[in-house]
Amino acid sequence: GHSRRMGSFKLSYYNEYKSYLSTMVKFSVILATYNEKDNLPIIIYLLVRTFKKVGAPFEIILVDDNSPDGTLEVAKQLQKIYGEETLVLRPRKGKLGLGTAYIHGLKSCRGEFVVILDADMSHHPKFIEEYIKVQNDTGCDIVTGTRYRTGGGVYGWDITRKLISCTANYLTQIMLWPGCSDVTGSFRLYKKEVLETLIDSCISKGYVFQMEMMVRAKQHGFSVQEVPITFVDRIYGESKISSKEVIGFWMGLLKLFATT
């Protein structure tokens, strides 16, 4: 009788351990949104697809700043599809800026690592797989996407924006030595405690916030690895993208749905 009791104890312990593992989240994605109702279904679908391919438990924390276009309503519909565990909604009362959106999102993150990317499809979630691999291989604190190394690039930007972006990065390199080639990019993977430390020490808002994060990372002695990424200007929203490109994108997406 004793060995049978031990056997059933072991089994219940194993089952408990299995359910504990399933509640553990390895990756939390913070998506800060403002008027992204058209992009949201696509970005969420691609994120889910990427993490399922990687085979890692994940969650998406959506911080919407009271978008007048109904982004939150779309998010609620998507939550019905993907479930409340996968898509966590953390809306705010108004447009309060990117830095505070990350702080707000971080409070809900259960993951060991936090991924931050733009919700407007300028960052393709497919690169996350490479981020995870690089982090795994090197044990680094931060993986950042760079548009300024072989294999990276920018599409859909006019020459003025390219110049501004390159100049901003170049000046930051000279003045601040942040130790990475693309400081204005915002597509990054952080160890959660590292992101918490950096956000605590940052004082800027808006565009400069991304730069300051990398400068502070250097000050704290955090290790940074870079992955070449391609950056595509906004699919929907305020952009100069042609209708032909949007139609092509949708056709490609429909093909993806059919083949996956």
C-alpha atoms as a PDB file:
ATOM      1  CA  GLY A   1       0.000   0.000   0.000  1.00  0.00           C
ATOM      2  CA  HIS A   2       2.903   2.334   0.823  1.00  0.00           C
ATOM      3  CA  SER A   3       4.484   2.138  -2.645  1.00  0.00           C
ATOM      4  CA  ARG A   4       1.105   2.725  -4.325  1.00  0.00           C
ATOM      5  CA  ARG A   5       0.569   5.794  -2.142  1.00  0.00           C
ATOM      6  CA  MET A   6       4.050   7.034  -3.054  1.00  0.00           C
ATOM      7  CA  GLY A   7       3.288   6.418  -6.734  1.00  0.00           C
ATOM      8  CA  SER A   8       0.057   8.424  -6.645  1.00  0.00           C
ATOM      9  CA  PHE A   9       1.824  11.166  -4.640  1.00  0.00           C
ATOM     10  CA  LYS A  10       4.548  11.356  -7.294  1.00  0.00           C
ATOM     11  CA  LEU A  11       1.939  11.484 -10.043  1.00  0.00           C
ATOM     12  CA  SER A  12      -0.036  14.307  -8.400  1.00  0.00           C
ATOM     13  CA  TYR A  13       3.235  16.160  -7.740  1.00  0.00           C
ATOM     14  CA  TYR A  14       4.205  15.720 -11.414  1.00  0.00           C
ATOM     15  CA  ASN A  15       0.793  16.970 -12.592  1.00  0.00           C
ATOM     16  CA  GLU A  16       1.063  20.002 -10.308  1.00  0.00           C
ATOM     17  CA  TYR A  17       4.552  20.695 -11.666  1.00  0.00           C
ATOM     18  CA  LYS A  18       3.255  20.422 -15.232  1.00  0.00           C
ATOM     19  CA  SER A  19       0.447  22.912 -14.574  1.00  0.00           C
ATOM     20  CA  TYR A  20       2.977  25.202 -12.827  1.00  0.00           C
ATOM     21  CA  LEU A  21       5.155  25.113 -15.946  1.00  0.00           C
ATOM     22  CA  SER A  22       2.200  25.970 -18.156  1.00  0.00           C
ATOM     23  CA  THR A  23       1.509  29.098 -16.065  1.00  0.00           C
ATOM     24  CA  MET A  24       5.117  30.232 -16.418  1.00  0.00           C
ATOM     25  CA  VAL A  25       5.589  32.774 -19.167  1.00  0.00           C
ATOM     26  CA  LYS A  26       9.029  33.111 -20.696  1.00  0.00           C
ATOM     27  CA  PHE A  27       8.378  36.110 -22.961  1.00  0.00           C
ATOM     28  CA  SER A  28       6.175  39.152 -22.421  1.00  0.00           C
ATOM     29  CA  VAL A  29       5.598  41.463 -25.381  1.00  0.00           C
ATOM     30  CA  ILE A  30       4.617  45.049 -24.579  1.00  0.00           C
ATOM     31  CA  LEU A  31       2.630  46.629 -27.406  1.00  0.00           C
ATOM     32  CA  ALA A  32       1.877  50.319 -26.914  1.00  0.00           C
ATOM     33  CA  THR A  33      -0.925  51.397 -29.270  1.00  0.00           C
ATOM     34  CA  TYR A  34      -2.550  54.596 -30.427  1.00  0.00           C
ATOM     35  CA  ASN A  35      -4.885  54.402 -33.450  1.00  0.00           C
ATOM     36  CA  GLU A  36      -3.713  51.000 -34.667  1.00  0.00           C
ATOM     37  CA  LYS A  37      -7.014  49.211 -35.287  1.00  0.00           C
ATOM     38  CA  ASP A  38      -6.043  48.134 -38.829  1.00  0.00           C
ATOM     39  CA  ASN A  39      -2.565  46.918 -37.896  1.00  0.00           C
ATOM     40  CA  LEU A  40      -3.511  45.190 -34.653  1.00  0.00           C
ATOM     41  CA  PRO A  41      -5.017  41.955 -36.069  1.00  0.00           C
ATOM     42  CA  ILE A  42      -1.967  41.493 -38.305  1.00  0.00           C
ATOM     43  CA  ILE A  43       0.691  42.187 -35.669  1.00  0.00           C
ATOM     44  CA  ILE A  44      -1.016  39.976 -33.055  1.00  0.00           C
ATOM     45  CA  TYR A  45      -1.387  37.138 -35.578  1.00  0.00           C
ATOM     46  CA  LEU A  46       2.304  37.392 -36.558  1.00  0.00           C
ATOM     47  CA  LEU A  47       3.436  37.542 -32.919  1.00  0.00           C
ATOM     48  CA  VAL A  48       1.412  34.450 -32.000  1.00  0.00           C
ATOM     49  CA  ARG A  49       2.734  32.647 -35.066  1.00  0.00           C
ATOM     50  CA  THR A  50       6.366  33.541 -34.235  1.00  0.00           C
ATOM     51  CA  PHE A  51       6.216  32.378 -30.617  1.00  0.00           C
ATOM     52  CA  LYS A  52       4.395  29.169 -31.560  1.00  0.00           C
ATOM     53  CA  LYS A  53       7.184  28.480 -34.064  1.00  0.00           C
ATOM     54  CA  VAL A  54       9.807  29.110 -31.382  1.00  0.00           C
ATOM     55  CA  GLY A  55       7.789  26.969 -28.963  1.00  0.00           C
ATOM     56  CA  ALA A  56       8.126  29.381 -26.039  1.00  0.00           C
ATOM     57  CA  PRO A  57       5.342  30.357 -23.604  1.00  0.00           C
ATOM     58  CA  PHE A  58       4.455  34.018 -24.140  1.00  0.00           C
ATOM     59  CA  GLU A  59       1.941  36.779 -23.455  1.00  0.00           C
ATOM     60  CA  ILE A  60       1.153  40.073 -25.193  1.00  0.00           C
ATOM     61  CA  ILE A  61       0.498  43.066 -22.936  1.00  0.00           C
ATOM     62  CA  LEU A  62      -1.450  45.672 -24.878  1.00  0.00           C
ATOM     63  CA  VAL A  63      -1.286  49.228 -23.564  1.00  0.00           C
ATOM     64  CA  ASP A  64      -3.747  51.362 -25.523  1.00  0.00           C
ATOM     65  CA  ASP A  65      -3.832  55.113 -24.850  1.00  0.00           C
ATOM     66  CA  ASN A  66      -7.570  55.633 -25.367  1.00  0.00           C
ATOM     67  CA  SER A  67      -7.351  55.506 -29.201  1.00  0.00           C
ATOM     68  CA  PRO A  68     -10.300  57.333 -30.797  1.00  0.00           C
ATOM     69  CA  ASP A  69     -10.283  54.895 -33.762  1.00  0.00           C
ATOM     70  CA  GLY A  70     -11.547  51.953 -31.660  1.00  0.00           C
ATOM     71  CA  THR A  71      -8.260  50.035 -31.277  1.00  0.00           C
ATOM     72  CA  LEU A  72      -9.386  48.736 -27.880  1.00  0.00           C
ATOM     73  CA  GLU A  73     -12.639  47.326 -29.322  1.00  0.00           C
ATOM     74  CA  VAL A  74     -10.620  45.435 -31.943  1.00  0.00           C
ATOM     75  CA  ALA A  75      -8.299  44.210 -29.164  1.00  0.00           C
ATOM     76  CA  LYS A  76     -11.294  42.864 -27.214  1.00  0.00           C
ATOM     77  CA  GLN A  77     -12.415  40.898 -30.286  1.00  0.00           C
ATOM     78  CA  LEU A  78      -8.895  39.507 -30.705  1.00  0.00           C
ATOM     79  CA  GLN A  79      -8.841  38.565 -27.028  1.00  0.00           C
ATOM     80  CA  LYS A  80     -11.870  36.341 -27.675  1.00  0.00           C
ATOM     81  CA  ILE A  81      -9.844  34.536 -30.366  1.00  0.00           C
ATOM     82  CA  TYR A  82      -6.500  34.188 -28.590  1.00  0.00           C
ATOM     83  CA  GLY A  83      -7.643  34.116 -24.953  1.00  0.00           C
ATOM     84  CA  GLU A  84      -7.114  36.384 -21.949  1.00  0.00           C
ATOM     85  CA  GLU A  85      -3.900  34.621 -20.926  1.00  0.00           C
ATOM     86  CA  THR A  86      -2.255  35.324 -24.281  1.00  0.00           C
ATOM     87  CA  LEU A  87      -3.601  38.828 -24.909  1.00  0.00           C
ATOM     88  CA  VAL A  88      -3.687  40.965 -21.765  1.00  0.00           C
ATOM     89  CA  LEU A  89      -5.396  44.350 -22.104  1.00  0.00           C
ATOM     90  CA  ARG A  90      -4.072  47.216 -19.988  1.00  0.00           C
ATOM     91  CA  PRO A  91      -5.705  50.369 -21.443  1.00  0.00           C
ATOM     92  CA  ARG A  92      -5.047  53.889 -20.137  1.00  0.00           C
ATOM     93  CA  LYS A  93      -7.196  57.001 -19.949  1.00  0.00           C
ATOM     94  CA  GLY A  94      -5.264  59.138 -22.458  1.00  0.00           C
ATOM     95  CA  LYS A  95      -2.192  59.621 -24.635  1.00  0.00           C
ATOM     96  CA  LEU A  96       0.507  59.542 -21.994  1.00  0.00           C
ATOM     97  CA  GLY A  97       3.624  58.712 -23.998  1.00  0.00           C
ATOM     98  CA  LEU A  98       5.842  55.744 -24.744  1.00  0.00           C
ATOM     99  CA  GLY A  99       8.058  55.668 -21.636  1.00  0.00           C
ATOM    100  CA  THR A 100       5.115  55.558 -19.251  1.00  0.00           C
ATOM    101  CA  ALA A 101       3.387  52.973 -21.491  1.00  0.00           C
ATOM    102  CA  TYR A 102       6.330  50.620 -20.893  1.00  0.00           C
ATOM    103  CA  ILE A 103       6.227  51.261 -17.135  1.00  0.00           C
ATOM    104  CA  HIS A 104       2.475  50.566 -17.164  1.00  0.00           C
ATOM    105  CA  GLY A 105       2.920  47.408 -19.253  1.00  0.00           C
ATOM    106  CA  LEU A 106       5.839  46.145 -17.166  1.00  0.00           C
ATOM    107  CA  LYS A 107       3.631  45.973 -14.064  1.00  0.00           C
ATOM    108  CA  SER A 108       1.651  43.199 -15.760  1.00  0.00           C
ATOM    109  CA  CYS A 109       4.576  41.291 -17.322  1.00  0.00           C
ATOM    110  CA  ARG A 110       5.052  37.747 -16.029  1.00  0.00           C
ATOM    111  CA  GLY A 111       7.868  36.903 -18.449  1.00  0.00           C
ATOM    112  CA  GLU A 112      11.550  36.454 -17.766  1.00  0.00           C
ATOM    113  CA  PHE A 113      12.214  38.486 -20.928  1.00  0.00           C
ATOM    114  CA  VAL A 114      10.351  41.483 -22.345  1.00  0.00           C
ATOM    115  CA  VAL A 115      10.089  42.213 -26.062  1.00  0.00           C
ATOM    116  CA  ILE A 116       9.225  45.724 -27.187  1.00  0.00           C
ATOM    117  CA  LEU A 117       8.268  46.546 -30.759  1.00  0.00           C
ATOM    118  CA  ASP A 118       6.103  49.025 -32.648  1.00  0.00           C
ATOM    119  CA  ALA A 119       2.496  48.024 -33.239  1.00  0.00           C
ATOM    120  CA  ASP A 120       2.359  49.681 -36.667  1.00  0.00           C
ATOM    121  CA  MET A 121       4.054  46.765 -38.484  1.00  0.00           C
ATOM    122  CA  SER A 122       7.275  48.702 -39.068  1.00  0.00           C
ATOM    123  CA  HIS A 123       8.938  45.924 -37.038  1.00  0.00           C
ATOM    124  CA  HIS A 124       8.290  42.411 -38.304  1.00  0.00           C
ATOM    125  CA  PRO A 125       7.846  39.884 -35.463  1.00  0.00           C
ATOM    126  CA  LYS A 126       9.723  37.220 -37.482  1.00  0.00           C
ATOM    127  CA  PHE A 127      13.029  38.731 -36.258  1.00  0.00           C
ATOM    128  CA  ILE A 128      12.134  37.793 -32.652  1.00  0.00           C
ATOM    129  CA  GLU A 129      13.224  34.220 -33.386  1.00  0.00           C
ATOM    130  CA  GLU A 130      16.764  35.451 -34.113  1.00  0.00           C
ATOM    131  CA  TYR A 131      16.676  37.722 -31.011  1.00  0.00           C
ATOM    132  CA  ILE A 132      15.837  34.718 -28.824  1.00  0.00           C
ATOM    133  CA  LYS A 133      18.591  32.618 -30.427  1.00  0.00           C
ATOM    134  CA  VAL A 134      21.208  35.361 -29.941  1.00  0.00           C
ATOM    135  CA  GLN A 135      20.171  35.890 -26.295  1.00  0.00           C
ATOM    136  CA  ASN A 136      20.264  32.162 -25.691  1.00  0.00           C
ATOM    137  CA  ASP A 137      23.713  31.783 -27.255  1.00  0.00           C
ATOM    138  CA  THR A 138      25.338  34.791 -25.545  1.00  0.00           C
ATOM    139  CA  GLY A 139      23.361  35.227 -22.307  1.00  0.00           C
ATOM    140  CA  CYS A 140      23.286  38.996 -22.993  1.00  0.00           C
ATOM    141  CA  ASP A 141      21.041  41.478 -21.172  1.00  0.00           C
ATOM    142  CA  ILE A 142      19.640  43.209 -24.254  1.00  0.00           C
ATOM    143  CA  VAL A 143      19.179  42.273 -27.909  1.00  0.00           C
ATOM    144  CA  THR A 144      18.491  45.215 -30.179  1.00  0.00           C
ATOM    145  CA  GLY A 145      17.581  45.357 -33.848  1.00  0.00           C
ATOM    146  CA  THR A 146      19.834  47.426 -36.054  1.00  0.00           C
ATOM    147  CA  ARG A 147      19.054  48.869 -39.470  1.00  0.00           C
ATOM    148  CA  TYR A 148      22.687  49.904 -39.967  1.00  0.00           C
ATOM    149  CA  ARG A 149      24.516  46.611 -40.278  1.00  0.00           C
ATOM    150  CA  THR A 150      24.793  44.166 -43.168  1.00  0.00           C
ATOM    151  CA  GLY A 151      21.438  42.497 -43.563  1.00  0.00           C
ATOM    152  CA  GLY A 152      19.486  45.403 -42.036  1.00  0.00           C
ATOM    153  CA  GLY A 153      17.732  48.223 -43.835  1.00  0.00           C
ATOM    154  CA  VAL A 154      14.886  50.702 -44.087  1.00  0.00           C
ATOM    155  CA  TYR A 155      12.045  50.534 -46.609  1.00  0.00           C
ATOM    156  CA  GLY A 156       9.392  53.115 -47.383  1.00  0.00           C
ATOM    157  CA  TRP A 157      11.370  56.023 -45.954  1.00  0.00           C
ATOM    158  CA  ASP A 158      12.079  59.118 -47.992  1.00  0.00           C
ATOM    159  CA  ILE A 159      15.636  60.485 -48.111  1.00  0.00           C
ATOM    160  CA  THR A 160      14.905  63.155 -45.469  1.00  0.00           C
ATOM    161  CA  ARG A 161      13.826  60.612 -42.870  1.00  0.00           C
ATOM    162  CA  LYS A 162      16.775  58.365 -43.687  1.00  0.00           C
ATOM    163  CA  LEU A 163      19.116  61.335 -43.260  1.00  0.00           C
ATOM    164  CA  ILE A 164      17.534  62.377 -39.956  1.00  0.00           C
ATOM    165  CA  SER A 165      17.715  58.813 -38.634  1.00  0.00           C
ATOM    166  CA  CYS A 166      21.320  58.240 -39.761  1.00  0.00           C
ATOM    167  CA  THR A 167      22.393  61.654 -38.425  1.00  0.00           C
ATOM    168  CA  ALA A 168      20.677  61.018 -35.077  1.00  0.00           C
ATOM    169  CA  ASN A 169      22.483  57.698 -34.763  1.00  0.00           C
ATOM    170  CA  TYR A 170      25.817  59.117 -35.920  1.00  0.00           C
ATOM    171  CA  LEU A 171      25.685  62.047 -33.467  1.00  0.00           C
ATOM    172  CA  THR A 172      24.748  59.732 -30.612  1.00  0.00           C
ATOM    173  CA  GLN A 173      27.712  57.488 -31.485  1.00  0.00           C
ATOM    174  CA  ILE A 174      30.124  60.429 -31.330  1.00  0.00           C
ATOM    175  CA  MET A 175      28.687  62.151 -28.288  1.00  0.00           C
ATOM    176  CA  LEU A 176      27.582  59.288 -26.094  1.00  0.00           C
ATOM    177  CA  TRP A 177      29.291  56.039 -27.181  1.00  0.00           C
ATOM    178  CA  PRO A 178      26.281  53.841 -26.400  1.00  0.00           C
ATOM    179  CA  GLY A 179      28.000  50.748 -27.797  1.00  0.00           C
ATOM    180  CA  CYS A 180      25.419  49.906 -30.444  1.00  0.00           C
ATOM    181  CA  SER A 181      24.883  51.075 -34.015  1.00  0.00           C
ATOM    182  CA  ASP A 182      21.145  51.819 -33.938  1.00  0.00           C
ATOM    183  CA  VAL A 183      20.087  53.806 -30.895  1.00  0.00           C
ATOM    184  CA  THR A 184      16.832  55.233 -32.239  1.00  0.00           C
ATOM    185  CA  GLY A 185      15.353  51.813 -32.984  1.00  0.00           C
ATOM    186  CA  SER A 186      12.773  50.482 -30.565  1.00  0.00           C
ATOM    187  CA  PHE A 187      12.638  46.789 -31.487  1.00  0.00           C
ATOM    188  CA  ARG A 188      14.380  45.125 -28.555  1.00  0.00           C
ATOM    189  CA  LEU A 189      14.456  42.171 -26.203  1.00  0.00           C
ATOM    190  CA  TYR A 190      15.398  42.807 -22.566  1.00  0.00           C
ATOM    191  CA  LYS A 191      15.869  40.702 -19.470  1.00  0.00           C
ATOM    192  CA  LYS A 192      12.933  41.905 -17.402  1.00  0.00           C
ATOM    193  CA  GLU A 193      14.974  43.188 -14.442  1.00  0.00           C
ATOM    194  CA  VAL A 194      17.321  44.993 -16.847  1.00  0.00           C
ATOM    195  CA  LEU A 195      14.401  46.829 -18.466  1.00  0.00           C
ATOM    196  CA  GLU A 196      13.073  47.777 -15.016  1.00  0.00           C
ATOM    197  CA  THR A 197      16.487  49.205 -14.051  1.00  0.00           C
ATOM    198  CA  LEU A 198      16.787  51.155 -17.308  1.00  0.00           C
ATOM    199  CA  ILE A 199      13.289  52.625 -17.152  1.00  0.00           C
ATOM    200  CA  ASP A 200      13.942  53.727 -13.568  1.00  0.00           C
ATOM    201  CA  SER A 201      17.071  55.598 -14.665  1.00  0.00           C
ATOM    202  CA  CYS A 202      15.622  57.241 -17.810  1.00  0.00           C
ATOM    203  CA  ILE A 203      14.393  60.812 -17.748  1.00  0.00           C
ATOM    204  CA  SER A 204      13.534  61.533 -21.397  1.00  0.00           C
ATOM    205  CA  LYS A 205      10.204  61.223 -23.161  1.00  0.00           C
ATOM    206  CA  GLY A 206       9.321  60.416 -26.761  1.00  0.00           C
ATOM    207  CA  TYR A 207      11.882  59.837 -29.506  1.00  0.00           C
ATOM    208  CA  VAL A 208      14.916  60.462 -27.266  1.00  0.00           C
ATOM    209  CA  PHE A 209      13.723  57.827 -24.778  1.00  0.00           C
ATOM    210  CA  GLN A 210      14.936  54.963 -27.022  1.00  0.00           C
ATOM    211  CA  MET A 211      18.379  56.570 -27.305  1.00  0.00           C
ATOM    212  CA  GLU A 212      18.656  57.169 -23.596  1.00  0.00           C
ATOM    213  CA  MET A 213      17.823  53.522 -22.871  1.00  0.00           C
ATOM    214  CA  MET A 214      20.957  52.401 -24.754  1.00  0.00           C
ATOM    215  CA  VAL A 215      23.145  55.098 -23.225  1.00  0.00           C
ATOM    216  CA  ARG A 216      22.015  54.080 -19.719  1.00  0.00           C
ATOM    217  CA  ALA A 217      22.572  50.412 -20.612  1.00  0.00           C
ATOM    218  CA  LYS A 218      26.208  51.278 -21.370  1.00  0.00           C
ATOM    219  CA  GLN A 219      26.503  53.181 -18.064  1.00  0.00           C
ATOM    220  CA  HIS A 220      25.108  50.212 -16.126  1.00  0.00           C
ATOM    221  CA  GLY A 221      27.497  47.873 -17.929  1.00  0.00           C
ATOM    222  CA  PHE A 222      24.706  45.750 -19.422  1.00  0.00           C
ATOM    223  CA  SER A 223      25.700  43.529 -22.339  1.00  0.00           C
ATOM    224  CA  VAL A 224      24.079  44.315 -25.696  1.00  0.00           C
ATOM    225  CA  GLN A 225      23.933  42.183 -28.841  1.00  0.00           C
ATOM    226  CA  GLU A 226      22.684  43.386 -32.232  1.00  0.00           C
ATOM    227  CA  VAL A 227      20.580  41.642 -34.863  1.00  0.00           C
ATOM    228  CA  PRO A 228      20.250  43.153 -38.369  1.00  0.00           C
ATOM    229  CA  ILE A 229      16.584  43.914 -39.095  1.00  0.00           C
ATOM    230  CA  THR A 230      14.662  45.508 -41.916  1.00  0.00           C
ATOM    231  CA  PHE A 231      12.375  48.348 -40.948  1.00  0.00           C
ATOM    232  CA  VAL A 232       9.294  49.012 -43.067  1.00  0.00           C
ATOM    233  CA  ASP A 233       7.419  52.310 -42.820  1.00  0.00           C
ATOM    234  CA  ARG A 234       3.891  52.087 -41.432  1.00  0.00           C
ATOM    235  CA  ILE A 235       1.495  49.755 -43.245  1.00  0.00           C
ATOM    236  CA  TYR A 236      -1.612  51.695 -42.200  1.00  0.00           C
ATOM    237  CA  GLY A 237      -2.072  55.010 -40.469  1.00  0.00           C
ATOM    238  CA  GLU A 238      -0.359  58.246 -41.402  1.00  0.00           C
ATOM    239  CA  SER A 239       1.997  57.057 -44.115  1.00  0.00           C
ATOM    240  CA  LYS A 240       2.807  57.404 -47.788  1.00  0.00           C
ATOM    241  CA  ILE A 241       2.562  53.706 -48.535  1.00  0.00           C
ATOM    242  CA  SER A 242       0.815  52.947 -51.825  1.00  0.00           C
ATOM    243  CA  SER A 243      -2.493  51.112 -52.095  1.00  0.00           C
ATOM    244  CA  LYS A 244      -0.760  48.595 -54.375  1.00  0.00           C
ATOM    245  CA  GLU A 245       1.616  47.681 -51.551  1.00  0.00           C
ATOM    246  CA  VAL A 246      -1.280  47.313 -49.098  1.00  0.00           C
ATOM    247  CA  ILE A 247      -3.169  45.033 -51.510  1.00  0.00           C
ATOM    248  CA  GLY A 248       0.008  43.017 -52.072  1.00  0.00           C
ATOM    249  CA  PHE A 249       0.442  42.731 -48.318  1.00  0.00           C
ATOM    250  CA  TRP A 250      -3.109  41.467 -47.835  1.00  0.00           C
ATOM    251  CA  MET A 251      -2.722  38.934 -50.635  1.00  0.00           C
ATOM    252  CA  GLY A 252       0.458  37.699 -49.009  1.00  0.00           C
ATOM    253  CA  LEU A 253      -1.294  37.499 -45.648  1.00  0.00           C
ATOM    254  CA  LEU A 254      -4.179  35.494 -47.067  1.00  0.00           C
ATOM    255  CA  LYS A 255      -1.596  33.133 -48.574  1.00  0.00           C
ATOM    256  CA  LEU A 256       0.023  32.811 -45.130  1.00  0.00           C
ATOM    257  CA  PHE A 257      -3.301  31.953 -43.506  1.00  0.00           C
ATOM    258  CA  ALA A 258      -3.897  29.316 -46.181  1.00  0.00           C
ATOM    259  CA  THR A 259      -0.490  27.692 -45.734  1.00  0.00           C
ATOM    260  CA  THR A 260      -0.018  27.761 -41.954  1.00  0.00           C
END
